[in-house]
């Protein structure tokens, strides 16, 4: 399957977290519906940082939005 140019330019929301065992995990979210749902969790200040590409911490998870 060949990806279209539009699919290649979508933002990716990266979530880094640690499991109870101490193992670090990374989840890369590229589905726009899921990104929109997660964005509701952040305050306005955190959203500004995310949109600028900076890392934001929510609870113990590290989040970063990688623009298209």
PDB file of N, CA and C in Angstrom:
ATOM      1  N   UNK A   1       0.840  -1.180   0.000  1.00  0.00           N
ATOM      2  CA  UNK A   1       0.000   0.000   0.000  1.00  0.00           C
ATOM      3  C   UNK A   1       0.886   1.244   0.000  1.00  0.00           C
ATOM      4  N   UNK A   2       0.594   2.164  -0.861  1.00  0.00           N
ATOM      5  CA  UNK A   2       1.355   3.394  -0.958  1.00  0.00           C
ATOM      6  C   UNK A   2       0.628   4.483  -0.181  1.00  0.00           C
ATOM      7  N   UNK A   3       1.358   5.163   0.712  1.00  0.00           N
ATOM      8  CA  UNK A   3       0.763   6.235   1.518  1.00  0.00           C
ATOM      9  C   UNK A   3       0.648   7.498   0.675  1.00  0.00           C
ATOM     10  N   UNK A   4      -0.473   8.185   0.826  1.00  0.00           N
ATOM     11  CA  UNK A   4      -0.640   9.447   0.109  1.00  0.00           C
ATOM     12  C   UNK A   4       0.120  10.542   0.843  1.00  0.00           C
ATOM     13  N   UNK A   5       0.302  11.668   0.189  1.00  0.00           N
ATOM     14  CA  UNK A   5       1.018  12.782   0.785  1.00  0.00           C
ATOM     15  C   UNK A   5       0.298  13.280   2.033  1.00  0.00           C
ATOM     16  N   UNK A   6      -1.022  13.282   2.013  1.00  0.00           N
ATOM     17  CA  UNK A   6      -1.799  13.740   3.166  1.00  0.00           C
ATOM     18  C   UNK A   6      -1.571  12.833   4.376  1.00  0.00           C
ATOM     19  N   UNK A   7      -1.507  11.534   4.174  1.00  0.00           N
ATOM     20  CA  UNK A   7      -1.273  10.599   5.264  1.00  0.00           C
ATOM     21  C   UNK A   7       0.117  10.777   5.863  1.00  0.00           C
ATOM     22  N   UNK A   8       1.065  11.125   5.039  1.00  0.00           N
ATOM     23  CA  UNK A   8       2.435  11.287   5.501  1.00  0.00           C
ATOM     24  C   UNK A   8       2.623  12.564   6.304  1.00  0.00           C
ATOM     25  N   UNK A   9       1.724  13.536   6.214  1.00  0.00           N
ATOM     26  CA  UNK A   9       1.896  14.828   6.860  1.00  0.00           C
ATOM     27  C   UNK A   9       1.076  14.973   8.138  1.00  0.00           C
ATOM     28  N   UNK A  10       0.544  13.893   8.658  1.00  0.00           N
ATOM     29  CA  UNK A  10      -0.272  13.957   9.856  1.00  0.00           C
ATOM     30  C   UNK A  10       0.615  14.066  11.098  1.00  0.00           C
ATOM     31  N   UNK A  11       0.156  14.813  12.101  1.00  0.00           N
ATOM     32  CA  UNK A  11       0.935  14.907  13.336  1.00  0.00           C
ATOM     33  C   UNK A  11       0.902  13.584  14.105  1.00  0.00           C
ATOM     34  N   UNK A  12       1.886  13.415  14.974  1.00  0.00           N
ATOM     35  CA  UNK A  12       1.980  12.223  15.808  1.00  0.00           C
ATOM     36  C   UNK A  12       2.096  12.675  17.256  1.00  0.00           C
ATOM     37  N   UNK A  13       1.268  12.118  18.107  1.00  0.00           N
ATOM     38  CA  UNK A  13       1.331  12.391  19.541  1.00  0.00           C
ATOM     39  C   UNK A  13       2.091  11.241  20.188  1.00  0.00           C
ATOM     40  N   UNK A  14       3.184  11.569  20.875  1.00  0.00           N
ATOM     41  CA  UNK A  14       4.036  10.553  21.482  1.00  0.00           C
ATOM     42  C   UNK A  14       3.804  10.564  22.991  1.00  0.00           C
ATOM     43  N   UNK A  15       3.522   9.403  23.542  1.00  0.00           N
ATOM     44  CA  UNK A  15       3.330   9.249  24.988  1.00  0.00           C
ATOM     45  C   UNK A  15       4.393   8.302  25.511  1.00  0.00           C
ATOM     46  N   UNK A  16       5.177   8.772  26.481  1.00  0.00           N
ATOM     47  CA  UNK A  16       6.196   7.936  27.107  1.00  0.00           C
ATOM     48  C   UNK A  16       5.797   7.729  28.571  1.00  0.00           C
ATOM     49  N   UNK A  17       5.876   6.479  29.017  1.00  0.00           N
ATOM     50  CA  UNK A  17       5.477   6.159  30.384  1.00  0.00           C
ATOM     51  C   UNK A  17       6.239   4.935  30.857  1.00  0.00           C
ATOM     52  N   UNK A  18       6.221   4.732  32.189  1.00  0.00           N
ATOM     53  CA  UNK A  18       6.879   3.565  32.764  1.00  0.00           C
ATOM     54  C   UNK A  18       5.836   2.615  33.318  1.00  0.00           C
ATOM     55  N   UNK A  19       6.072   1.349  33.093  1.00  0.00           N
ATOM     56  CA  UNK A  19       5.215   0.313  33.651  1.00  0.00           C
ATOM     57  C   UNK A  19       5.561   0.111  35.127  1.00  0.00           C
ATOM     58  N   UNK A  20       4.726  -0.597  35.843  1.00  0.00           N
ATOM     59  CA  UNK A  20       4.972  -0.884  37.251  1.00  0.00           C
ATOM     60  C   UNK A  20       6.302  -1.605  37.431  1.00  0.00           C
ATOM     61  N   UNK A  21       6.673  -2.411  36.487  1.00  0.00           N
ATOM     62  CA  UNK A  21       7.942  -3.147  36.547  1.00  0.00           C
ATOM     63  C   UNK A  21       9.159  -2.249  36.323  1.00  0.00           C
ATOM     64  N   UNK A  22       8.927  -0.986  35.920  1.00  0.00           N
ATOM     65  CA  UNK A  22      10.028  -0.062  35.671  1.00  0.00           C
ATOM     66  C   UNK A  22      10.427   0.022  34.211  1.00  0.00           C
ATOM     67  N   UNK A  23       9.837  -0.804  33.378  1.00  0.00           N
ATOM     68  CA  UNK A  23      10.139  -0.811  31.947  1.00  0.00           C
ATOM     69  C   UNK A  23       9.505   0.412  31.279  1.00  0.00           C
ATOM     70  N   UNK A  24      10.292   1.162  30.531  1.00  0.00           N
ATOM     71  CA  UNK A  24       9.785   2.353  29.835  1.00  0.00           C
ATOM     72  C   UNK A  24       9.100   1.938  28.534  1.00  0.00           C
ATOM     73  N   UNK A  25       7.970   2.558  28.258  1.00  0.00           N
ATOM     74  CA  UNK A  25       7.212   2.288  27.031  1.00  0.00           C
ATOM     75  C   UNK A  25       6.995   3.590  26.275  1.00  0.00           C
ATOM     76  N   UNK A  26       6.816   3.482  24.969  1.00  0.00           N
ATOM     77  CA  UNK A  26       6.500   4.635  24.135  1.00  0.00           C
ATOM     78  C   UNK A  26       5.346   4.259  23.216  1.00  0.00           C
ATOM     79  N   UNK A  27       4.340   5.115  23.182  1.00  0.00           N
ATOM     80  CA  UNK A  27       3.187   4.902  22.310  1.00  0.00           C
ATOM     81  C   UNK A  27       3.127   6.061  21.319  1.00  0.00           C
ATOM     82  N   UNK A  28       3.064   5.745  20.048  1.00  0.00           N
ATOM     83  CA  UNK A  28       2.979   6.759  19.003  1.00  0.00           C
ATOM     84  C   UNK A  28       1.561   6.748  18.447  1.00  0.00           C
ATOM     85  N   UNK A  29       0.845   7.845  18.658  1.00  0.00           N
ATOM     86  CA  UNK A  29      -0.556   7.945  18.277  1.00  0.00           C
ATOM     87  C   UNK A  29      -0.648   8.813  17.029  1.00  0.00           C
ATOM     88  N   UNK A  30      -1.115   8.226  15.923  1.00  0.00           N
ATOM     89  CA  UNK A  30      -1.219   8.983  14.680  1.00  0.00           C
ATOM     90  C   UNK A  30      -2.651   9.096  14.173  1.00  0.00           C
ATOM     91  N   UNK A  31      -3.593   8.500  14.883  1.00  0.00           N
ATOM     92  CA  UNK A  31      -5.003   8.589  14.518  1.00  0.00           C
ATOM     93  C   UNK A  31      -5.542   9.941  15.004  1.00  0.00           C
ATOM     94  N   UNK A  32      -6.025  10.769  14.093  1.00  0.00           N
ATOM     95  CA  UNK A  32      -6.446  12.127  14.436  1.00  0.00           C
ATOM     96  C   UNK A  32      -7.572  12.147  15.471  1.00  0.00           C
ATOM     97  N   UNK A  33      -8.480  11.185  15.420  1.00  0.00           N
ATOM     98  CA  UNK A  33      -9.560  11.125  16.412  1.00  0.00           C
ATOM     99  C   UNK A  33      -9.010  10.890  17.811  1.00  0.00           C
ATOM    100  N   UNK A  34      -8.053   9.995  17.935  1.00  0.00           N
ATOM    101  CA  UNK A  34      -7.447   9.726  19.251  1.00  0.00           C
ATOM    102  C   UNK A  34      -6.647  10.921  19.737  1.00  0.00           C
ATOM    103  N   UNK A  35      -5.927  11.597  18.835  1.00  0.00           N
ATOM    104  CA  UNK A  35      -5.172  12.788  19.220  1.00  0.00           C
ATOM    105  C   UNK A  35      -6.121  13.847  19.762  1.00  0.00           C
ATOM    106  N   UNK A  36      -7.236  14.071  19.062  1.00  0.00           N
ATOM    107  CA  UNK A  36      -8.220  15.063  19.516  1.00  0.00           C
ATOM    108  C   UNK A  36      -8.777  14.708  20.891  1.00  0.00           C
ATOM    109  N   UNK A  37      -9.030  13.426  21.131  1.00  0.00           N
ATOM    110  CA  UNK A  37      -9.545  12.993  22.439  1.00  0.00           C
ATOM    111  C   UNK A  37      -8.537  13.246  23.542  1.00  0.00           C
ATOM    112  N   UNK A  38      -7.269  12.923  23.289  1.00  0.00           N
ATOM    113  CA  UNK A  38      -6.235  13.136  24.302  1.00  0.00           C
ATOM    114  C   UNK A  38      -6.000  14.619  24.567  1.00  0.00           C
ATOM    115  N   UNK A  39      -6.156  15.460  23.570  1.00  0.00           N
ATOM    116  CA  UNK A  39      -5.905  16.897  23.738  1.00  0.00           C
ATOM    117  C   UNK A  39      -6.847  17.529  24.761  1.00  0.00           C
ATOM    118  N   UNK A  40      -7.998  16.924  24.981  1.00  0.00           N
ATOM    119  CA  UNK A  40      -8.942  17.453  25.971  1.00  0.00           C
ATOM    120  C   UNK A  40      -8.415  17.351  27.400  1.00  0.00           C
ATOM    121  N   UNK A  41      -7.425  16.494  27.636  1.00  0.00           N
ATOM    122  CA  UNK A  41      -6.886  16.312  28.984  1.00  0.00           C
ATOM    123  C   UNK A  41      -5.964  17.445  29.414  1.00  0.00           C
ATOM    124  N   UNK A  42      -5.445  18.199  28.469  1.00  0.00           N
ATOM    125  CA  UNK A  42      -4.419  19.193  28.771  1.00  0.00           C
ATOM    126  C   UNK A  42      -5.014  20.575  29.022  1.00  0.00           C
ATOM    127  N   UNK A  43      -4.314  21.356  29.859  1.00  0.00           N
ATOM    128  CA  UNK A  43      -4.720  22.742  30.108  1.00  0.00           C
ATOM    129  C   UNK A  43      -4.300  23.594  28.908  1.00  0.00           C
ATOM    130  N   UNK A  44      -4.739  24.832  28.895  1.00  0.00           N
ATOM    131  CA  UNK A  44      -4.385  25.722  27.773  1.00  0.00           C
ATOM    132  C   UNK A  44      -2.880  25.944  27.687  1.00  0.00           C
ATOM    133  N   UNK A  45      -2.236  26.105  28.840  1.00  0.00           N
ATOM    134  CA  UNK A  45      -0.782  26.319  28.843  1.00  0.00           C
ATOM    135  C   UNK A  45      -0.055  25.096  28.287  1.00  0.00           C
ATOM    136  N   UNK A  46      -0.535  23.910  28.665  1.00  0.00           N
ATOM    137  CA  UNK A  46       0.079  22.688  28.170  1.00  0.00           C
ATOM    138  C   UNK A  46      -0.157  22.513  26.669  1.00  0.00           C
ATOM    139  N   UNK A  47      -1.340  22.899  26.189  1.00  0.00           N
ATOM    140  CA  UNK A  47      -1.625  22.808  24.752  1.00  0.00           C
ATOM    141  C   UNK A  47      -0.705  23.703  23.942  1.00  0.00           C
ATOM    142  N   UNK A  48      -0.432  24.912  24.463  1.00  0.00           N
ATOM    143  CA  UNK A  48       0.475  25.824  23.761  1.00  0.00           C
ATOM    144  C   UNK A  48       1.858  25.190  23.649  1.00  0.00           C
ATOM    145  N   UNK A  49       2.322  24.572  24.747  1.00  0.00           N
ATOM    146  CA  UNK A  49       3.634  23.914  24.722  1.00  0.00           C
ATOM    147  C   UNK A  49       3.637  22.731  23.743  1.00  0.00           C
ATOM    148  N   UNK A  50       2.575  21.936  23.766  1.00  0.00           N
ATOM    149  CA  UNK A  50       2.495  20.795  22.854  1.00  0.00           C
ATOM    150  C   UNK A  50       2.532  21.237  21.402  1.00  0.00           C
ATOM    151  N   UNK A  51       1.761  22.274  21.079  1.00  0.00           N
ATOM    152  CA  UNK A  51       1.708  22.752  19.700  1.00  0.00           C
ATOM    153  C   UNK A  51       3.037  23.345  19.251  1.00  0.00           C
ATOM    154  N   UNK A  52       3.868  23.775  20.223  1.00  0.00           N
ATOM    155  CA  UNK A  52       5.202  24.283  19.904  1.00  0.00           C
ATOM    156  C   UNK A  52       6.220  23.150  19.802  1.00  0.00           C
ATOM    157  N   UNK A  53       5.772  21.905  20.049  1.00  0.00           N
ATOM    158  CA  UNK A  53       6.677  20.760  19.942  1.00  0.00           C
ATOM    159  C   UNK A  53       7.420  20.440  21.226  1.00  0.00           C
ATOM    160  N   UNK A  54       7.080  21.107  22.330  1.00  0.00           N
ATOM    161  CA  UNK A  54       7.752  20.863  23.601  1.00  0.00           C
ATOM    162  C   UNK A  54       7.144  19.666  24.313  1.00  0.00           C
ATOM    163  N   UNK A  55       7.902  19.111  25.245  1.00  0.00           N
ATOM    164  CA  UNK A  55       7.413  17.989  26.040  1.00  0.00           C
ATOM    165  C   UNK A  55       6.564  18.513  27.192  1.00  0.00           C
ATOM    166  N   UNK A  56       5.497  17.785  27.500  1.00  0.00           N
ATOM    167  CA  UNK A  56       4.581  18.149  28.570  1.00  0.00           C
ATOM    168  C   UNK A  56       4.379  16.916  29.441  1.00  0.00           C
ATOM    169  N   UNK A  57       4.318  17.123  30.765  1.00  0.00           N
ATOM    170  CA  UNK A  57       4.087  16.020  31.683  1.00  0.00           C
ATOM    171  C   UNK A  57       2.674  16.111  32.238  1.00  0.00           C
ATOM    172  N   UNK A  58       1.960  15.007  32.173  1.00  0.00           N
ATOM    173  CA  UNK A  58       0.609  14.898  32.709  1.00  0.00           C
ATOM    174  C   UNK A  58       0.611  13.640  33.573  1.00  0.00           C
ATOM    175  N   UNK A  59       0.395  13.861  34.879  1.00  0.00           N
ATOM    176  CA  UNK A  59       0.574  12.767  35.840  1.00  0.00           C
ATOM    177  C   UNK A  59       2.032  12.327  35.724  1.00  0.00           C
ATOM    178  N   UNK A  60       2.287  11.073  35.446  1.00  0.00           N
ATOM    179  CA  UNK A  60       3.670  10.587  35.322  1.00  0.00           C
ATOM    180  C   UNK A  60       4.067  10.349  33.871  1.00  0.00           C
ATOM    181  N   UNK A  61       3.179  10.665  32.945  1.00  0.00           N
ATOM    182  CA  UNK A  61       3.442  10.417  31.526  1.00  0.00           C
ATOM    183  C   UNK A  61       4.033  11.653  30.864  1.00  0.00           C
ATOM    184  N   UNK A  62       4.933  11.422  29.928  1.00  0.00           N
ATOM    185  CA  UNK A  62       5.535  12.491  29.133  1.00  0.00           C
ATOM    186  C   UNK A  62       4.880  12.467  27.764  1.00  0.00           C
ATOM    187  N   UNK A  63       4.393  13.625  27.305  1.00  0.00           N
ATOM    188  CA  UNK A  63       3.699  13.735  26.028  1.00  0.00           C
ATOM    189  C   UNK A  63       4.441  14.714  25.133  1.00  0.00           C
ATOM    190  N   UNK A  64       4.428  14.461  23.842  1.00  0.00           N
ATOM    191  CA  UNK A  64       5.018  15.387  22.871  1.00  0.00           C
ATOM    192  C   UNK A  64       4.260  15.261  21.564  1.00  0.00           C
ATOM    193  N   UNK A  65       3.901  16.399  20.992  1.00  0.00           N
ATOM    194  CA  UNK A  65       3.226  16.427  19.697  1.00  0.00           C
ATOM    195  C   UNK A  65       4.256  16.753  18.628  1.00  0.00           C
ATOM    196  N   UNK A  66       4.427  15.843  17.701  1.00  0.00           N
ATOM    197  CA  UNK A  66       5.364  16.054  16.594  1.00  0.00           C
ATOM    198  C   UNK A  66       4.538  16.524  15.410  1.00  0.00           C
ATOM    199  N   UNK A  67       4.717  17.787  14.997  1.00  0.00           N
ATOM    200  CA  UNK A  67       3.880  18.329  13.918  1.00  0.00           C
ATOM    201  C   UNK A  67       4.135  17.631  12.590  1.00  0.00           C
ATOM    202  N   UNK A  68       3.219  17.866  11.658  1.00  0.00           N
ATOM    203  CA  UNK A  68       3.321  17.250  10.339  1.00  0.00           C
ATOM    204  C   UNK A  68       4.445  17.810   9.526  1.00  0.00           C
TER     205      UNK A  68
END
